[in-house]
Amino acid sequence: MNCAPLAKGRERHPYLSRQGVIDLLFFNDGKWFLVDYKTDNCSAKEAVEKYSLQMKLYAEAITAIYHIDLAEIYLYLFHTGEIAPIKF
């Protein structure tokens, strides 16, 4: 897989259905964490740029469904072994 950007310019719509699979959601020391595994062959910076929107949508869904607030969001990059934080 390459690190091509996700489609841009999508408008938010309250009736639009989205589907995704959360790789890891865990609770530690009183805080919730979200981690998504990526197999792309790209740098941490490129992965953050590419997947920030996806991770923010996951965070919105988690908050809406489970009524919890996430402390931190990360991407784990299998290709490099890096852990990249997502700012939200």
N, C-alpha and C. Protein backbone atom coordinates (compact mmCIF):
# COMPACT_ATOMS: atom_id res chain seq x y z
N MET A 1 0.84 -1.19 0.00
CA MET A 1 0.00 0.00 0.00
C MET A 1 0.88 1.24 0.00
N ASN A 2 0.47 2.22 -0.76
CA ASN A 2 1.21 3.47 -0.72
C ASN A 2 0.54 4.44 0.24
N CYS A 3 1.06 5.62 0.32
CA CYS A 3 0.53 6.58 1.28
C CYS A 3 -0.23 7.69 0.56
N ALA A 4 -1.06 7.34 -0.40
CA ALA A 4 -1.88 8.33 -1.11
C ALA A 4 -2.91 8.91 -0.14
N PRO A 5 -3.21 10.21 -0.28
CA PRO A 5 -4.16 10.83 0.65
C PRO A 5 -5.57 10.27 0.48
N LEU A 6 -6.33 10.28 1.58
CA LEU A 6 -7.74 9.92 1.50
C LEU A 6 -8.47 10.98 0.69
N ALA A 7 -9.63 10.65 0.18
CA ALA A 7 -10.41 11.62 -0.59
C ALA A 7 -10.66 12.87 0.24
N LYS A 8 -10.44 14.00 -0.37
CA LYS A 8 -10.65 15.27 0.33
C LYS A 8 -11.93 15.92 -0.15
N GLY A 9 -12.42 16.88 0.62
CA GLY A 9 -13.57 17.66 0.21
C GLY A 9 -14.90 17.03 0.56
N ARG A 10 -14.90 15.98 1.35
CA ARG A 10 -16.17 15.36 1.75
C ARG A 10 -16.83 16.25 2.79
N GLU A 11 -18.08 16.56 2.56
CA GLU A 11 -18.81 17.39 3.51
C GLU A 11 -19.44 16.51 4.56
N ARG A 12 -19.56 17.06 5.76
CA ARG A 12 -20.21 16.33 6.85
C ARG A 12 -21.72 16.37 6.63
N HIS A 13 -22.36 15.26 6.84
CA HIS A 13 -23.80 15.17 6.68
C HIS A 13 -24.35 14.31 7.81
N PRO A 14 -25.37 14.80 8.53
CA PRO A 14 -25.84 14.05 9.70
C PRO A 14 -26.43 12.68 9.38
N TYR A 15 -26.82 12.42 8.15
CA TYR A 15 -27.43 11.15 7.80
C TYR A 15 -26.49 10.22 7.02
N LEU A 16 -25.26 10.63 6.89
CA LEU A 16 -24.28 9.83 6.17
C LEU A 16 -23.79 8.69 7.06
N SER A 17 -23.86 7.49 6.54
CA SER A 17 -23.41 6.32 7.29
C SER A 17 -21.93 6.11 7.04
N ARG A 18 -21.20 5.79 8.13
CA ARG A 18 -19.78 5.50 8.01
C ARG A 18 -19.52 4.15 8.65
N GLN A 19 -18.55 3.45 8.12
CA GLN A 19 -18.20 2.14 8.66
C GLN A 19 -16.70 2.07 8.84
N GLY A 20 -16.28 1.51 9.94
CA GLY A 20 -14.86 1.35 10.20
C GLY A 20 -14.65 0.33 11.30
N VAL A 21 -13.42 -0.10 11.45
CA VAL A 21 -13.08 -1.06 12.49
C VAL A 21 -11.99 -0.45 13.36
N ILE A 22 -12.28 -0.33 14.63
CA ILE A 22 -11.30 0.20 15.58
C ILE A 22 -10.40 -0.95 16.00
N ASP A 23 -9.10 -0.75 15.87
CA ASP A 23 -8.15 -1.81 16.19
C ASP A 23 -7.97 -2.01 17.69
N LEU A 24 -7.81 -0.91 18.43
CA LEU A 24 -7.55 -1.04 19.86
C LEU A 24 -8.09 0.18 20.60
N LEU A 25 -8.94 -0.08 21.57
CA LEU A 25 -9.46 0.94 22.49
C LEU A 25 -9.23 0.37 23.88
N PHE A 26 -8.45 1.08 24.70
CA PHE A 26 -8.18 0.54 26.03
C PHE A 26 -8.18 1.62 27.10
N PHE A 27 -8.39 1.18 28.34
CA PHE A 27 -8.47 2.04 29.51
C PHE A 27 -7.26 1.76 30.39
N ASN A 28 -6.52 2.82 30.76
CA ASN A 28 -5.34 2.65 31.59
C ASN A 28 -5.16 3.89 32.47
N ASP A 29 -4.96 3.68 33.76
CA ASP A 29 -4.75 4.78 34.71
C ASP A 29 -5.84 5.84 34.62
N GLY A 30 -7.08 5.41 34.46
CA GLY A 30 -8.20 6.33 34.45
C GLY A 30 -8.40 7.08 33.14
N LYS A 31 -7.71 6.66 32.07
CA LYS A 31 -7.81 7.33 30.78
C LYS A 31 -8.08 6.32 29.67
N TRP A 32 -8.79 6.78 28.63
CA TRP A 32 -9.06 5.96 27.45
C TRP A 32 -8.10 6.31 26.33
N PHE A 33 -7.63 5.28 25.64
CA PHE A 33 -6.69 5.44 24.53
C PHE A 33 -7.21 4.70 23.30
N LEU A 34 -6.95 5.29 22.14
CA LEU A 34 -7.33 4.71 20.86
C LEU A 34 -6.05 4.51 20.04
N VAL A 35 -5.88 3.29 19.51
CA VAL A 35 -4.72 2.98 18.68
C VAL A 35 -5.22 2.31 17.41
N ASP A 36 -4.70 2.74 16.27
CA ASP A 36 -5.05 2.12 15.00
C ASP A 36 -3.75 1.64 14.36
N TYR A 37 -3.77 0.41 13.88
CA TYR A 37 -2.59 -0.20 13.26
C TYR A 37 -2.58 0.12 11.76
N LYS A 38 -1.40 0.49 11.26
CA LYS A 38 -1.25 0.81 9.84
C LYS A 38 -0.11 0.02 9.24
N THR A 39 -0.34 -0.50 8.04
CA THR A 39 0.68 -1.28 7.35
C THR A 39 1.29 -0.54 6.17
N ASP A 40 0.90 0.69 5.96
CA ASP A 40 1.43 1.50 4.86
C ASP A 40 2.94 1.65 4.98
N ASN A 41 3.59 1.78 3.86
CA ASN A 41 5.02 2.03 3.82
C ASN A 41 5.23 3.54 3.67
N CYS A 42 5.03 4.25 4.78
CA CYS A 42 5.21 5.69 4.76
C CYS A 42 5.70 6.16 6.12
N SER A 43 6.14 7.41 6.17
CA SER A 43 6.67 7.96 7.41
C SER A 43 5.53 8.26 8.39
N ALA A 44 5.90 8.48 9.63
CA ALA A 44 4.91 8.84 10.64
C ALA A 44 4.20 10.13 10.25
N LYS A 45 4.94 11.09 9.75
CA LYS A 45 4.34 12.36 9.35
C LYS A 45 3.30 12.15 8.24
N GLU A 46 3.65 11.35 7.24
CA GLU A 46 2.72 11.07 6.15
C GLU A 46 1.48 10.33 6.65
N ALA A 47 1.68 9.38 7.53
CA ALA A 47 0.56 8.60 8.08
C ALA A 47 -0.38 9.50 8.88
N VAL A 48 0.18 10.39 9.68
CA VAL A 48 -0.65 11.32 10.47
C VAL A 48 -1.47 12.20 9.54
N GLU A 49 -0.84 12.71 8.49
CA GLU A 49 -1.57 13.54 7.52
C GLU A 49 -2.68 12.74 6.84
N LYS A 50 -2.39 11.51 6.49
CA LYS A 50 -3.35 10.68 5.77
C LYS A 50 -4.51 10.22 6.65
N TYR A 51 -4.24 9.86 7.90
CA TYR A 51 -5.25 9.21 8.73
C TYR A 51 -5.85 10.06 9.84
N SER A 52 -5.47 11.31 9.97
CA SER A 52 -6.01 12.15 11.04
C SER A 52 -7.53 12.24 10.97
N LEU A 53 -8.08 12.43 9.79
CA LEU A 53 -9.53 12.53 9.66
C LEU A 53 -10.20 11.23 10.10
N GLN A 54 -9.69 10.09 9.66
CA GLN A 54 -10.25 8.80 10.06
C GLN A 54 -10.25 8.67 11.58
N MET A 55 -9.14 9.00 12.21
CA MET A 55 -9.03 8.84 13.66
C MET A 55 -9.96 9.81 14.40
N LYS A 56 -10.12 11.00 13.87
CA LYS A 56 -11.05 11.96 14.50
C LYS A 56 -12.49 11.47 14.37
N LEU A 57 -12.82 10.84 13.26
CA LEU A 57 -14.16 10.27 13.10
C LEU A 57 -14.37 9.11 14.07
N TYR A 58 -13.34 8.28 14.25
CA TYR A 58 -13.42 7.21 15.24
C TYR A 58 -13.65 7.80 16.63
N ALA A 59 -12.92 8.86 16.96
CA ALA A 59 -13.07 9.50 18.28
C ALA A 59 -14.49 10.03 18.47
N GLU A 60 -15.04 10.65 17.43
CA GLU A 60 -16.42 11.15 17.51
C GLU A 60 -17.39 10.01 17.74
N ALA A 61 -17.20 8.91 17.03
CA ALA A 61 -18.10 7.76 17.17
C ALA A 61 -18.00 7.15 18.58
N ILE A 62 -16.79 7.02 19.08
CA ILE A 62 -16.59 6.47 20.43
C ILE A 62 -17.28 7.34 21.46
N THR A 63 -17.11 8.65 21.34
CA THR A 63 -17.73 9.58 22.28
C THR A 63 -19.25 9.50 22.20
N ALA A 64 -19.78 9.45 20.99
CA ALA A 64 -21.24 9.41 20.81
C ALA A 64 -21.86 8.10 21.27
N ILE A 65 -21.20 7.00 21.02
CA ILE A 65 -21.76 5.68 21.34
C ILE A 65 -21.53 5.29 22.79
N TYR A 66 -20.31 5.48 23.27
CA TYR A 66 -19.94 5.00 24.60
C TYR A 66 -19.90 6.09 25.68
N HIS A 67 -20.03 7.35 25.25
CA HIS A 67 -20.02 8.49 26.19
C HIS A 67 -18.74 8.53 27.01
N ILE A 68 -17.63 8.32 26.33
CA ILE A 68 -16.32 8.43 26.98
C ILE A 68 -15.47 9.43 26.21
N ASP A 69 -14.54 10.04 26.91
CA ASP A 69 -13.61 10.97 26.27
C ASP A 69 -12.25 10.30 26.17
N LEU A 70 -11.65 10.42 25.01
CA LEU A 70 -10.33 9.83 24.79
C LEU A 70 -9.25 10.77 25.30
N ALA A 71 -8.25 10.21 25.94
CA ALA A 71 -7.11 10.99 26.41
C ALA A 71 -6.10 11.18 25.27
N GLU A 72 -5.87 10.10 24.52
CA GLU A 72 -4.87 10.16 23.46
C GLU A 72 -5.23 9.21 22.33
N ILE A 73 -4.76 9.57 21.13
CA ILE A 73 -4.98 8.76 19.93
C ILE A 73 -3.62 8.55 19.27
N TYR A 74 -3.38 7.30 18.83
CA TYR A 74 -2.11 6.96 18.20
C TYR A 74 -2.31 6.10 16.96
N LEU A 75 -1.35 6.20 16.07
CA LEU A 75 -1.20 5.24 14.96
C LEU A 75 0.03 4.41 15.28
N TYR A 76 -0.09 3.10 15.11
CA TYR A 76 1.08 2.23 15.22
C TYR A 76 1.44 1.80 13.81
N LEU A 77 2.65 2.13 13.38
CA LEU A 77 3.10 1.84 12.02
C LEU A 77 3.94 0.56 12.02
N PHE A 78 3.37 -0.51 11.48
CA PHE A 78 4.06 -1.80 11.46
C PHE A 78 5.36 -1.74 10.67
N HIS A 79 5.36 -0.99 9.58
CA HIS A 79 6.53 -0.97 8.70
C HIS A 79 7.78 -0.42 9.41
N THR A 80 7.58 0.59 10.27
CA THR A 80 8.72 1.22 10.93
C THR A 80 8.77 0.95 12.44
N GLY A 81 7.66 0.45 13.00
CA GLY A 81 7.59 0.24 14.44
C GLY A 81 7.34 1.53 15.22
N GLU A 82 7.05 2.61 14.51
CA GLU A 82 6.81 3.90 15.17
C GLU A 82 5.39 3.99 15.73
N ILE A 83 5.27 4.80 16.77
CA ILE A 83 3.97 5.16 17.32
C ILE A 83 3.80 6.65 17.10
N ALA A 84 2.79 7.01 16.32
CA ALA A 84 2.58 8.41 15.94
C ALA A 84 1.34 8.97 16.63
N PRO A 85 1.49 10.03 17.43
CA PRO A 85 0.32 10.62 18.06
C PRO A 85 -0.52 11.43 17.07
N ILE A 86 -1.83 11.40 17.29
CA ILE A 86 -2.77 12.21 16.50
C ILE A 86 -3.29 13.31 17.42
N LYS A 87 -3.14 14.54 17.01
CA LYS A 87 -3.69 15.66 17.79
C LYS A 87 -5.16 15.83 17.43
N PHE A 88 -5.98 16.04 18.45
CA PHE A 88 -7.41 16.24 18.19
C PHE A 88 -7.97 17.25 19.14
